[in-house]
Amino acid sequence: MKKWMSLLLTLVMVLALASSALAEGYKIAILTGTVSQGEEEFRAAENAKLADPDGIVTDTYPDAFVAEQETTISKMQAFASDPDVKAIVMCQAVPGAVAGFTKVREMGRDDILLIAAVPQEVPSLVSAASDVVLYADEAAQGDSIMETCANWGVEVFIHYSFPRHMAMEAIILRHERLKANAEALGIEFVDVTALDPLAEGGMPAAQQFVLEDVPAQMEKYAGKKVAFFSTNCGTQEALQPAVLAQPNAYYPQPCCPSPYHKFFGTLSIPQVELGNDVAALTAIADALVKHDAVGRFSTWPSPVNMALVDIGVAYAHAYLDGQTNGRNDTEALKKIMDEVLPGVKVGNFTDADGVSYDNFYTVLLPAVDFNDYVTK
């Protein structure tokens, strides 16, 4: 894999475009969650700002983003109040994104390119409010995750989520496909309603629930191979060590698949430089060997949310430099995706009614077999 070299080349491309940005006098704004809610996208925005301090502006939406949507909206209005801002990239596009983008247009800023990544609102509304939408292919993960479980010989699949997430169409589509595939493969599918980190008790309570429930489930299904999946980023910090401690427990991937999603803390290994994906996967694989767990964990070979920020910024540069055919240029976008995520499968989101959105792009990468990365 030549991922690291590809990222270096992409960075060179972005820096070159940044110089053009300064010449043209435009800025690209990036809105992400905080470190506690979404560290990878936060770091991606931070890296973009370091590479181009004059051409990139950043901010974060509140941790309690559902209850504080007005704050999120005001952040985007603040971006749009700067006439030099010509593009906004939001990742994750949490509730408030659609209203925020709409407010930007109402300010008369039709000149701003609006990119929503990892949307959490109704797909049709996100698509209508945005110029480009970017997301991991949640529905297709219903196939790839269950394929991984089948290869492991998993007999029970535990799905942790809560009503707020199970109201999101993309998560519902993945859930239904996971369930259908489990039934076809003879794997028992178990829905467990976990605690919502945005509810009373917050993230500590949500994590404690998982820490206590995993061993309880393993006792209930004693002697069986049990896979665990959670739809929430923050609970991965509890789910990974809980699975690691149980010899018959399996972890097919984080909700936002990435080599950097909590693995280093779980395995007590030094964090490698973000972007050096092969080094990250190798460090994780070697640590899993020590826990006799190399065949019980998987993820994607690249960090999806970081990549979507990088793709959004690079595409914004291409558009603003007149290198695209309009706001939604599929071929230009796919070229950037191929450079940032080698081997990516790109599609368009199709909702439960069969409606496909031509500006709503999904990405899919193959599951990692950590045996391939163990130091020989």
Protein backbone atom coordinates (compact mmCIF):
# COMPACT_ATOMS: atom_id res chain seq x y z
CA MET A 1 0.00 0.00 0.00
CA LYS A 2 1.29 3.39 -0.96
CA LYS A 3 -1.12 5.32 1.21
CA TRP A 4 1.52 7.49 2.91
CA MET A 5 3.07 8.59 -0.39
CA SER A 6 -0.41 9.32 -1.74
CA LEU A 7 -1.17 11.54 1.24
CA LEU A 8 2.09 13.41 0.79
CA LEU A 9 1.26 14.04 -2.84
CA THR A 10 -2.24 15.17 -1.85
CA LEU A 11 -0.79 17.55 0.74
CA VAL A 12 1.53 19.01 -1.90
CA MET A 13 -1.47 19.48 -4.17
CA VAL A 14 -3.48 21.20 -1.41
CA LEU A 15 -0.55 23.46 -0.53
CA ALA A 16 -0.14 24.42 -4.16
CA LEU A 17 -3.84 25.20 -4.36
CA ALA A 18 -3.57 27.14 -1.12
CA SER A 19 -1.06 29.48 -2.73
CA SER A 20 -3.61 30.07 -5.46
CA ALA A 21 -6.23 30.70 -2.77
CA LEU A 22 -4.16 33.48 -1.29
CA ALA A 23 -3.61 34.97 -4.72
CA GLU A 24 -7.37 34.98 -5.32
CA GLY A 25 -8.05 36.20 -1.79
CA TYR A 26 -10.54 33.49 -0.82
CA LYS A 27 -10.83 31.42 2.35
CA ILE A 28 -12.25 27.98 3.08
CA ALA A 29 -14.06 27.53 6.41
CA ILE A 30 -14.18 24.17 8.21
CA LEU A 31 -16.68 23.41 10.98
CA THR A 32 -16.15 20.21 13.03
CA GLY A 33 -16.93 18.74 16.41
CA THR A 34 -14.58 19.08 19.35
CA VAL A 35 -11.91 16.56 20.27
CA SER A 36 -14.31 14.84 22.67
CA GLN A 37 -17.02 14.38 20.03
CA GLY A 38 -14.98 13.77 16.87
CA GLU A 39 -11.22 13.95 17.23
CA GLU A 40 -10.35 12.77 13.73
CA GLU A 41 -12.26 15.46 11.86
CA PHE A 42 -11.04 18.05 14.38
CA ARG A 43 -7.42 17.02 13.69
CA ALA A 44 -8.03 17.05 9.93
CA ALA A 45 -9.26 20.66 10.17
CA GLU A 46 -6.32 21.51 12.42
CA ASN A 47 -3.87 20.05 9.89
CA ALA A 48 -5.49 22.01 7.05
CA LYS A 49 -5.17 25.20 9.08
CA LEU A 50 -1.50 24.50 9.84
CA ALA A 51 -0.80 23.92 6.15
CA ASP A 52 -2.57 27.14 5.11
CA PRO A 53 -3.07 29.51 8.08
CA ASP A 54 -4.26 32.41 5.93
CA GLY A 55 -6.54 30.47 3.59
CA ILE A 56 -8.30 28.21 6.13
CA VAL A 57 -10.55 29.26 9.02
CA THR A 58 -11.89 26.74 11.54
CA ASP A 59 -14.41 26.48 14.35
CA THR A 60 -16.29 23.79 16.29
CA TYR A 61 -19.94 23.17 17.02
CA PRO A 62 -21.05 22.48 20.63
CA ASP A 63 -20.72 19.04 22.22
CA ALA A 64 -24.45 19.21 23.03
CA PHE A 65 -25.18 19.91 19.37
CA VAL A 66 -28.75 18.61 19.36
CA ALA A 67 -29.83 21.00 22.12
CA GLU A 68 -27.67 23.88 20.88
CA GLN A 69 -28.45 23.99 17.17
CA GLU A 70 -28.74 27.77 17.21
CA THR A 71 -25.08 27.98 18.19
CA THR A 72 -24.14 25.74 15.26
CA ILE A 73 -26.18 27.91 12.91
CA SER A 74 -24.56 31.08 14.26
CA LYS A 75 -21.11 29.61 13.61
CA MET A 76 -21.94 29.21 9.92
CA GLN A 77 -23.43 32.68 9.76
CA ALA A 78 -20.19 34.01 11.24
CA PHE A 79 -18.23 32.27 8.48
CA ALA A 80 -20.54 33.72 5.84
CA SER A 81 -20.23 37.24 7.27
CA ASP A 82 -16.62 37.24 6.01
CA PRO A 83 -16.80 38.10 2.28
CA ASP A 84 -13.54 36.25 1.67
CA VAL A 85 -15.04 32.90 2.76
CA LYS A 86 -16.05 31.15 -0.45
CA ALA A 87 -16.56 27.58 0.82
CA ILE A 88 -17.74 25.88 4.02
CA VAL A 89 -16.89 22.25 4.79
CA MET A 90 -18.84 20.78 7.73
CA CYS A 91 -17.91 17.43 9.26
CA GLN A 92 -19.86 15.98 10.92
CA ALA A 93 -22.95 17.66 9.50
CA VAL A 94 -24.89 17.32 12.75
CA PRO A 95 -28.44 18.61 13.35
CA GLY A 96 -28.42 22.31 12.52
CA ALA A 97 -26.43 21.84 9.31
CA VAL A 98 -29.45 22.19 7.01
CA ALA A 99 -30.73 25.26 8.83
CA GLY A 100 -27.22 26.73 8.91
CA PHE A 101 -26.67 26.26 5.20
CA THR A 102 -30.12 27.72 4.53
CA LYS A 103 -29.27 30.80 6.62
CA VAL A 104 -26.05 31.25 4.65
CA ARG A 105 -28.05 31.36 1.42
CA GLU A 106 -30.55 33.77 2.99
CA MET A 107 -27.62 36.09 3.71
CA GLY A 108 -27.21 36.39 -0.05
CA ARG A 109 -24.11 34.20 -0.08
CA ASP A 110 -24.93 32.17 -3.18
CA ASP A 111 -21.23 32.37 -3.99
CA ILE A 112 -20.27 30.03 -1.13
CA LEU A 113 -19.73 26.34 -1.92
CA LEU A 114 -21.42 24.26 0.80
CA ILE A 115 -20.07 20.77 1.57
CA ALA A 116 -21.68 18.52 4.21
CA ALA A 117 -19.79 15.44 5.37
CA VAL A 118 -21.19 12.70 7.62
CA PRO A 119 -24.73 14.17 7.63
CA GLN A 120 -27.14 13.34 10.45
CA GLU A 121 -30.33 14.90 9.10
CA VAL A 122 -32.87 13.74 6.50
CA PRO A 123 -30.87 12.90 3.34
CA SER A 124 -33.24 14.69 0.95
CA LEU A 125 -33.01 17.88 3.03
CA VAL A 126 -29.22 17.69 3.37
CA SER A 127 -28.87 17.10 -0.37
CA ALA A 128 -31.12 20.06 -1.20
CA ALA A 129 -29.29 22.43 1.16
CA SER A 130 -25.76 21.40 0.12
CA ASP A 131 -23.75 21.55 -3.07
CA VAL A 132 -21.92 18.31 -2.22
CA VAL A 133 -22.56 15.69 0.48
CA LEU A 134 -19.94 13.12 1.56
CA TYR A 135 -20.50 10.02 3.71
CA ALA A 136 -19.25 6.52 4.36
CA ASP A 137 -21.48 3.98 2.62
CA GLU A 138 -23.47 2.97 5.70
CA ALA A 139 -25.84 0.67 3.82
CA ALA A 140 -23.02 -1.26 2.13
CA GLN A 141 -21.39 -1.70 5.54
CA GLY A 142 -24.35 -3.92 6.32
CA ASP A 143 -22.78 -6.32 3.83
CA SER A 144 -19.09 -5.84 4.61
CA ILE A 145 -19.44 -5.98 8.41
CA MET A 146 -21.51 -9.15 8.29
CA GLU A 147 -19.13 -10.70 5.75
CA THR A 148 -16.29 -10.13 8.24
CA CYS A 149 -18.36 -11.75 10.99
CA ALA A 150 -19.16 -14.73 8.78
CA ASN A 151 -15.46 -15.22 8.04
CA TRP A 152 -14.80 -15.26 11.79
CA GLY A 153 -17.54 -17.81 12.43
CA VAL A 154 -19.55 -15.39 14.58
CA GLU A 155 -22.78 -16.85 15.98
CA VAL A 156 -24.35 -13.79 17.68
CA PHE A 157 -24.28 -10.11 16.63
CA ILE A 158 -24.98 -7.41 19.25
CA HIS A 159 -26.07 -4.03 17.83
CA TYR A 160 -25.82 -1.11 20.30
CA SER A 161 -27.73 2.06 19.44
CA PHE A 162 -30.41 4.42 20.77
CA PRO A 163 -33.51 6.18 19.39
CA ARG A 164 -31.73 9.35 18.22
CA HIS A 165 -29.38 7.37 15.99
CA MET A 166 -32.07 4.92 14.91
CA ALA A 167 -34.01 7.85 13.47
CA MET A 168 -31.20 8.51 10.95
CA GLU A 169 -31.99 7.01 7.56
CA ALA A 170 -28.45 5.89 6.69
CA ILE A 171 -28.06 4.10 10.04
CA ILE A 172 -31.47 2.48 9.57
CA LEU A 173 -30.45 1.22 6.12
CA ARG A 174 -27.25 -0.29 7.52
CA HIS A 175 -29.15 -1.83 10.44
CA GLU A 176 -31.74 -3.46 8.18
CA ARG A 177 -29.08 -4.88 5.88
CA LEU A 178 -27.05 -6.16 8.85
CA LYS A 179 -30.17 -7.85 10.18
CA ALA A 180 -31.11 -9.40 6.84
CA ASN A 181 -27.59 -10.69 6.24
CA ALA A 182 -27.41 -12.11 9.76
CA GLU A 183 -30.64 -14.01 9.18
CA ALA A 184 -29.36 -15.37 5.86
CA LEU A 185 -26.12 -16.51 7.50
CA GLY A 186 -27.77 -18.06 10.53
CA ILE A 187 -26.29 -15.45 12.91
CA GLU A 188 -28.52 -14.38 15.80
CA PHE A 189 -29.07 -10.61 15.60
CA VAL A 190 -29.67 -8.82 18.92
CA ASP A 191 -30.72 -5.17 19.26
CA VAL A 192 -29.61 -3.58 22.52
CA THR A 193 -30.83 -0.08 23.38
CA ALA A 194 -27.79 1.69 24.82
CA LEU A 195 -27.64 5.03 26.62
CA ASP A 196 -27.47 8.14 24.44
CA PRO A 197 -24.31 10.14 25.27
CA LEU A 198 -26.31 13.35 24.81
CA ALA A 199 -28.87 12.32 27.41
CA GLU A 200 -28.68 12.62 31.20
CA GLY A 201 -25.44 11.10 32.47
CA GLY A 202 -23.62 12.00 29.27
CA MET A 203 -20.75 10.04 27.79
CA PRO A 204 -19.52 8.52 31.11
CA ALA A 205 -22.89 6.81 31.66
CA ALA A 206 -23.04 5.63 28.04
CA GLN A 207 -19.55 4.14 28.28
CA GLN A 208 -20.26 2.51 31.64
CA PHE A 209 -23.35 0.85 30.17
CA VAL A 210 -21.25 -0.77 27.45
CA LEU A 211 -18.52 -1.84 29.87
CA GLU A 212 -21.10 -3.64 31.98
CA ASP A 213 -23.25 -5.01 29.17
CA VAL A 214 -20.51 -6.73 27.12
CA PRO A 215 -19.55 -9.23 29.86
CA ALA A 216 -23.25 -9.74 30.62
CA GLN A 217 -23.91 -10.61 26.98
CA MET A 218 -20.91 -12.94 26.91
CA GLU A 219 -22.27 -14.74 29.97
CA LYS A 220 -25.70 -14.99 28.35
CA TYR A 221 -24.20 -16.47 25.18
CA ALA A 222 -21.49 -18.51 26.90
CA GLY A 223 -19.50 -20.69 24.53
CA LYS A 224 -20.54 -18.74 21.44
CA LYS A 225 -18.61 -16.27 19.27
CA VAL A 226 -20.27 -12.88 19.77
CA ALA A 227 -19.61 -9.74 17.68
CA PHE A 228 -20.32 -6.25 19.03
CA PHE A 229 -21.08 -3.06 17.08
CA SER A 230 -22.03 0.41 18.35
CA THR A 231 -23.35 3.30 16.27
CA ASN A 232 -21.71 5.92 18.53
CA CYS A 233 -18.12 7.19 18.32
CA GLY A 234 -17.61 7.93 22.02
CA THR A 235 -18.66 4.48 23.18
CA GLN A 236 -15.92 2.82 21.12
CA GLU A 237 -13.57 3.83 23.93
CA ALA A 238 -15.48 1.45 26.22
CA LEU A 239 -16.47 -1.18 23.67
CA GLN A 240 -12.96 -2.00 22.45
CA PRO A 241 -11.43 -2.86 25.87
CA ALA A 242 -14.60 -4.71 26.87
CA VAL A 243 -14.34 -6.90 23.76
CA LEU A 244 -10.57 -7.28 24.15
CA ALA A 245 -11.07 -8.76 27.63
CA GLN A 246 -13.42 -11.49 26.36
CA PRO A 247 -11.74 -14.32 24.35
CA ASN A 248 -14.91 -15.13 22.41
CA ALA A 249 -15.87 -11.51 21.66
CA TYR A 250 -15.32 -9.87 18.24
CA TYR A 251 -15.12 -6.27 16.99
CA PRO A 252 -15.77 -5.96 13.23
CA GLN A 253 -15.22 -2.18 13.02
CA PRO A 254 -15.81 1.19 14.72
CA CYS A 255 -18.90 3.15 13.68
CA CYS A 256 -16.61 5.54 11.79
CA PRO A 257 -14.02 3.06 10.51
CA SER A 258 -10.42 4.18 10.93
CA PRO A 259 -7.04 2.89 12.18
CA TYR A 260 -7.01 5.76 14.70
CA HIS A 261 -10.47 5.35 16.24
CA LYS A 262 -9.60 4.56 19.91
CA PHE A 263 -7.32 1.60 19.12
CA PHE A 264 -4.16 3.21 20.49
CA GLY A 265 -5.72 4.00 23.86
CA THR A 266 -7.34 0.57 24.10
CA LEU A 267 -4.08 -1.22 23.39
CA SER A 268 -1.83 1.18 25.36
CA ILE A 269 0.49 1.79 22.43
CA PRO A 270 2.07 5.08 21.28
CA GLN A 271 0.01 7.03 18.75
CA VAL A 272 1.70 7.15 15.36
CA GLU A 273 1.57 10.24 13.17
CA LEU A 274 -1.88 10.75 11.68
CA GLY A 275 -1.73 9.86 8.01
CA ASN A 276 0.86 7.09 8.32
CA ASP A 277 -1.83 4.44 8.01
CA VAL A 278 0.42 1.44 7.39
CA ALA A 279 2.46 2.24 10.50
CA ALA A 280 -0.77 2.60 12.48
CA LEU A 281 -2.17 -0.72 11.28
CA THR A 282 1.14 -2.47 11.97
CA ALA A 283 1.32 -1.08 15.52
CA ILE A 284 -2.28 -2.18 16.19
CA ALA A 285 -1.70 -5.65 14.71
CA ASP A 286 1.43 -6.27 16.80
CA ALA A 287 -0.40 -5.17 19.95
CA LEU A 288 -3.38 -7.41 19.15
CA VAL A 289 -1.00 -10.38 18.81
CA LYS A 290 0.10 -9.82 22.41
CA HIS A 291 -3.56 -10.04 23.49
CA ASP A 292 -4.21 -13.09 21.27
CA ALA A 293 -6.81 -10.97 19.49
CA VAL A 294 -5.38 -10.31 16.02
CA GLY A 295 -8.18 -12.37 14.47
CA ARG A 296 -10.97 -10.69 16.49
CA PHE A 297 -10.67 -7.03 15.44
CA SER A 298 -11.00 -5.16 12.15
CA THR A 299 -11.45 -1.64 10.75
CA TRP A 300 -10.85 0.23 7.48
CA PRO A 301 -7.31 0.87 6.20
CA SER A 302 -7.80 4.67 6.20
CA PRO A 303 -9.62 7.12 8.52
CA VAL A 304 -12.91 7.88 6.81
CA ASN A 305 -13.88 11.11 8.59
CA MET A 306 -10.40 12.64 8.27
CA ALA A 307 -10.42 11.70 4.62
CA LEU A 308 -13.79 13.34 4.02
CA VAL A 309 -12.50 16.62 5.46
CA ASP A 310 -9.40 16.40 3.25
CA ILE A 311 -11.54 15.58 0.21
CA GLY A 312 -13.93 18.43 0.95
CA VAL A 313 -11.10 20.98 1.27
CA ALA A 314 -9.31 19.75 -1.86
CA TYR A 315 -12.56 19.83 -3.86
CA ALA A 316 -13.34 23.34 -2.61
CA HIS A 317 -9.94 24.49 -3.86
CA ALA A 318 -10.52 22.83 -7.23
CA TYR A 319 -13.94 24.46 -7.59
CA LEU A 320 -12.76 27.91 -6.51
CA ASP A 321 -9.78 27.71 -8.86
CA GLY A 322 -12.08 26.98 -11.80
CA GLN A 323 -10.96 23.36 -12.16
CA THR A 324 -14.41 21.77 -11.93
CA ASN A 325 -17.43 21.67 -14.19
CA GLY A 326 -19.77 23.51 -11.87
CA ARG A 327 -20.45 22.95 -8.18
CA ASN A 328 -21.09 19.21 -8.44
CA ASP A 329 -18.46 17.69 -10.73
CA THR A 330 -18.52 13.94 -10.20
CA GLU A 331 -15.38 13.18 -12.17
CA ALA A 332 -13.31 15.87 -10.46
CA LEU A 333 -14.52 14.66 -7.06
CA LYS A 334 -13.79 11.00 -7.85
CA LYS A 335 -10.26 11.92 -8.91
CA ILE A 336 -9.65 13.59 -5.55
CA MET A 337 -11.20 10.63 -3.71
CA ASP A 338 -8.92 8.19 -5.53
CA GLU A 339 -5.89 10.25 -4.48
CA VAL A 340 -6.92 10.50 -0.82
CA LEU A 341 -8.42 6.99 -0.50
CA PRO A 342 -6.72 4.54 -2.89
CA GLY A 343 -9.02 1.64 -3.71
CA VAL A 344 -12.18 3.48 -2.68
CA LYS A 345 -15.56 2.49 -4.10
CA VAL A 346 -17.65 5.60 -4.77
CA GLY A 347 -21.42 5.59 -5.10
CA ASN A 348 -24.46 7.81 -4.67
CA PHE A 349 -26.74 7.57 -1.66
CA THR A 350 -30.07 5.90 -2.39
CA ASP A 351 -32.81 6.23 0.21
CA ALA A 352 -35.38 3.68 1.36
CA ASP A 353 -37.77 4.78 -1.40
CA GLY A 354 -35.16 4.12 -4.09
CA VAL A 355 -34.41 7.81 -4.71
CA SER A 356 -30.76 8.46 -5.56
CA TYR A 357 -29.12 11.86 -5.01
CA ASP A 358 -26.51 12.89 -7.56
CA ASN A 359 -24.70 15.28 -5.19
CA PHE A 360 -24.67 12.83 -2.23
CA TYR A 361 -21.57 10.64 -2.50
CA THR A 362 -20.73 7.54 -0.47
CA VAL A 363 -17.34 5.88 0.01
CA LEU A 364 -16.51 2.29 0.90
CA LEU A 365 -13.18 0.61 1.72
CA PRO A 366 -12.45 -3.08 2.36
CA ALA A 367 -12.16 -4.49 5.88
CA VAL A 368 -8.66 -4.91 7.31
CA ASP A 369 -7.31 -8.35 8.17
CA PHE A 370 -4.78 -7.48 10.88
CA ASN A 371 -2.91 -10.71 10.14
CA ASP A 372 -1.65 -8.92 7.02
CA TYR A 373 0.04 -6.25 9.14
CA VAL A 374 1.71 -8.33 11.84
CA THR A 375 5.47 -7.73 11.91
CA LYS A 376 7.05 -10.86 10.49
